[in-house]
């Protein structure tokens, strides 16, 4: 795996994990997914509690979720290297988010 693919994989893993774990998403789709698996939120979209199921605990922990997503990304890229181009928009988004956070702080 060359360094370009490695960086894309890291950034895409972080971006996908963050979106699923704590962002609302377009039309609140990630919020709805978390509620579907048993995570409750307050009126502001902040997590309140989890029902303790595997998927609720998984989506409740960004660090835990990133291990699973990272594994899926690694296996996918091993068997289908061209998938790096599907991950590239997520990696670019991750870079934009990091630059925005750096610029505002």
C-alpha atoms as a PDB file:
ATOM      1  CA  UNK A   1       0.000   0.000   0.000  1.00  0.00           C
ATOM      2  CA  UNK A   2       1.546   3.286  -1.018  1.00  0.00           C
ATOM      3  CA  UNK A   3       1.492   6.371   1.174  1.00  0.00           C
ATOM      4  CA  UNK A   4      -1.307   8.077  -0.816  1.00  0.00           C
ATOM      5  CA  UNK A   5      -3.675   5.142  -0.333  1.00  0.00           C
ATOM      6  CA  UNK A   6      -2.672   4.872   3.315  1.00  0.00           C
ATOM      7  CA  UNK A   7      -3.454   8.538   4.027  1.00  0.00           C
ATOM      8  CA  UNK A   8      -6.744   8.322   2.117  1.00  0.00           C
ATOM      9  CA  UNK A   9      -7.685   5.206   4.115  1.00  0.00           C
ATOM     10  CA  UNK A  10      -6.873   6.902   7.442  1.00  0.00           C
ATOM     11  CA  UNK A  11      -8.752  10.095   6.646  1.00  0.00           C
ATOM     12  CA  UNK A  12     -11.767   8.267   5.186  1.00  0.00           C
ATOM     13  CA  UNK A  13     -11.920   5.949   8.215  1.00  0.00           C
ATOM     14  CA  UNK A  14     -11.929   8.927  10.553  1.00  0.00           C
ATOM     15  CA  UNK A  15     -14.542  10.815   8.523  1.00  0.00           C
ATOM     16  CA  UNK A  16     -16.912   7.856   8.197  1.00  0.00           C
ATOM     17  CA  UNK A  17     -16.548   7.023  11.896  1.00  0.00           C
ATOM     18  CA  UNK A  18     -17.218  10.607  12.937  1.00  0.00           C
ATOM     19  CA  UNK A  19     -20.274  10.927  10.708  1.00  0.00           C
ATOM     20  CA  UNK A  20     -21.834   7.730  12.003  1.00  0.00           C
ATOM     21  CA  UNK A  21     -20.912   8.268  15.637  1.00  0.00           C
ATOM     22  CA  UNK A  22     -21.837  11.856  16.410  1.00  0.00           C
ATOM     23  CA  UNK A  23     -23.015  13.877  13.417  1.00  0.00           C
ATOM     24  CA  UNK A  24     -26.663  14.364  12.473  1.00  0.00           C
ATOM     25  CA  UNK A  25     -26.096  14.069   8.734  1.00  0.00           C
ATOM     26  CA  UNK A  26     -28.213  15.155   5.825  1.00  0.00           C
ATOM     27  CA  UNK A  27     -31.901  15.044   6.800  1.00  0.00           C
ATOM     28  CA  UNK A  28     -30.744  13.723  10.220  1.00  0.00           C
ATOM     29  CA  UNK A  29     -30.054  10.312   8.669  1.00  0.00           C
ATOM     30  CA  UNK A  30     -27.178   9.433  11.030  1.00  0.00           C
ATOM     31  CA  UNK A  31     -29.203  10.615  14.012  1.00  0.00           C
ATOM     32  CA  UNK A  32     -32.079   8.389  12.872  1.00  0.00           C
ATOM     33  CA  UNK A  33     -29.700   5.443  12.417  1.00  0.00           C
ATOM     34  CA  UNK A  34     -28.383   5.862  15.968  1.00  0.00           C
ATOM     35  CA  UNK A  35     -31.932   6.097  17.304  1.00  0.00           C
ATOM     36  CA  UNK A  36     -32.886   2.984  15.315  1.00  0.00           C
ATOM     37  CA  UNK A  37     -30.172   0.949  17.049  1.00  0.00           C
ATOM     38  CA  UNK A  38     -31.164   2.248  20.487  1.00  0.00           C
ATOM     39  CA  UNK A  39     -29.329   5.489  21.225  1.00  0.00           C
ATOM     40  CA  UNK A  40     -31.566   8.239  22.570  1.00  0.00           C
ATOM     41  CA  UNK A  41     -30.889  11.938  21.997  1.00  0.00           C
ATOM     42  CA  UNK A  42     -32.125  15.179  23.552  1.00  0.00           C
ATOM     43  CA  UNK A  43     -33.801  17.967  21.570  1.00  0.00           C
ATOM     44  CA  UNK A  44     -30.386  19.289  20.487  1.00  0.00           C
ATOM     45  CA  UNK A  45     -29.273  15.943  19.073  1.00  0.00           C
ATOM     46  CA  UNK A  46     -26.866  15.199  21.934  1.00  0.00           C
ATOM     47  CA  UNK A  47     -26.660  11.574  23.063  1.00  0.00           C
ATOM     48  CA  UNK A  48     -28.424  10.788  26.324  1.00  0.00           C
ATOM     49  CA  UNK A  49     -28.337   7.025  26.692  1.00  0.00           C
ATOM     50  CA  UNK A  50     -27.836   3.738  24.922  1.00  0.00           C
ATOM     51  CA  UNK A  51     -29.882   0.561  25.259  1.00  0.00           C
ATOM     52  CA  UNK A  52     -26.662  -1.469  25.566  1.00  0.00           C
ATOM     53  CA  UNK A  53     -27.058  -3.478  22.365  1.00  0.00           C
ATOM     54  CA  UNK A  54     -23.943  -4.257  20.311  1.00  0.00           C
ATOM     55  CA  UNK A  55     -24.801  -1.769  17.550  1.00  0.00           C
ATOM     56  CA  UNK A  56     -25.828   0.967  19.979  1.00  0.00           C
ATOM     57  CA  UNK A  57     -22.573   0.581  21.893  1.00  0.00           C
ATOM     58  CA  UNK A  58     -20.642   0.488  18.622  1.00  0.00           C
ATOM     59  CA  UNK A  59     -22.161   3.688  17.257  1.00  0.00           C
ATOM     60  CA  UNK A  60     -21.899   5.337  20.673  1.00  0.00           C
ATOM     61  CA  UNK A  61     -18.089   5.014  20.686  1.00  0.00           C
ATOM     62  CA  UNK A  62     -16.242   6.720  17.856  1.00  0.00           C
ATOM     63  CA  UNK A  63     -13.003   4.952  18.802  1.00  0.00           C
ATOM     64  CA  UNK A  64     -14.654   1.514  18.752  1.00  0.00           C
ATOM     65  CA  UNK A  65     -16.443   2.245  15.497  1.00  0.00           C
ATOM     66  CA  UNK A  66     -13.211   3.386  13.827  1.00  0.00           C
ATOM     67  CA  UNK A  67     -11.642  -0.042  14.458  1.00  0.00           C
ATOM     68  CA  UNK A  68     -14.474  -1.765  12.584  1.00  0.00           C
ATOM     69  CA  UNK A  69     -14.591   0.788   9.784  1.00  0.00           C
ATOM     70  CA  UNK A  70     -10.802   0.743   9.505  1.00  0.00           C
ATOM     71  CA  UNK A  71     -10.891  -3.037   9.193  1.00  0.00           C
ATOM     72  CA  UNK A  72     -13.550  -2.879   6.505  1.00  0.00           C
ATOM     73  CA  UNK A  73     -11.585  -0.210   4.633  1.00  0.00           C
ATOM     74  CA  UNK A  74      -8.346  -2.229   4.848  1.00  0.00           C
ATOM     75  CA  UNK A  75      -9.940  -5.463   3.645  1.00  0.00           C
ATOM     76  CA  UNK A  76     -11.830  -3.660   0.877  1.00  0.00           C
ATOM     77  CA  UNK A  77      -8.696  -1.941  -0.376  1.00  0.00           C
ATOM     78  CA  UNK A  78      -6.746  -5.193  -0.267  1.00  0.00           C
ATOM     79  CA  UNK A  79      -9.206  -6.976  -2.531  1.00  0.00           C
ATOM     80  CA  UNK A  80     -10.348  -3.964  -4.595  1.00  0.00           C
ATOM     81  CA  UNK A  81      -7.611  -1.292  -4.706  1.00  0.00           C
ATOM     82  CA  UNK A  82      -9.700   0.860  -7.053  1.00  0.00           C
ATOM     83  CA  UNK A  83     -12.051   1.579  -4.117  1.00  0.00           C
ATOM     84  CA  UNK A  84      -9.582   4.230  -3.031  1.00  0.00           C
ATOM     85  CA  UNK A  85     -11.439   6.531  -5.434  1.00  0.00           C
ATOM     86  CA  UNK A  86     -14.696   5.943  -3.524  1.00  0.00           C
ATOM     87  CA  UNK A  87     -12.921   6.799  -0.265  1.00  0.00           C
ATOM     88  CA  UNK A  88     -11.238   9.899  -1.651  1.00  0.00           C
ATOM     89  CA  UNK A  89     -14.233  12.255  -1.155  1.00  0.00           C
ATOM     90  CA  UNK A  90     -14.425  11.221   2.513  1.00  0.00           C
ATOM     91  CA  UNK A  91     -10.696  11.796   2.921  1.00  0.00           C
ATOM     92  CA  UNK A  92     -10.960  15.222   1.290  1.00  0.00           C
ATOM     93  CA  UNK A  93     -13.903  16.056   3.540  1.00  0.00           C
ATOM     94  CA  UNK A  94     -11.852  15.007   6.568  1.00  0.00           C
ATOM     95  CA  UNK A  95      -9.065  17.313   5.450  1.00  0.00           C
ATOM     96  CA  UNK A  96     -11.505  20.182   5.007  1.00  0.00           C
ATOM     97  CA  UNK A  97     -12.976  19.593   8.466  1.00  0.00           C
ATOM     98  CA  UNK A  98      -9.517  19.564  10.042  1.00  0.00           C
ATOM     99  CA  UNK A  99      -8.489  22.762   8.244  1.00  0.00           C
ATOM    100  CA  UNK A 100     -11.737  24.447   9.312  1.00  0.00           C
ATOM    101  CA  UNK A 101     -11.227  23.417  12.947  1.00  0.00           C
ATOM    102  CA  UNK A 102      -7.620  24.615  12.820  1.00  0.00           C
ATOM    103  CA  UNK A 103      -8.612  27.946  11.242  1.00  0.00           C
ATOM    104  CA  UNK A 104     -11.315  28.643  13.830  1.00  0.00           C
ATOM    105  CA  UNK A 105      -9.221  27.797  16.899  1.00  0.00           C
END
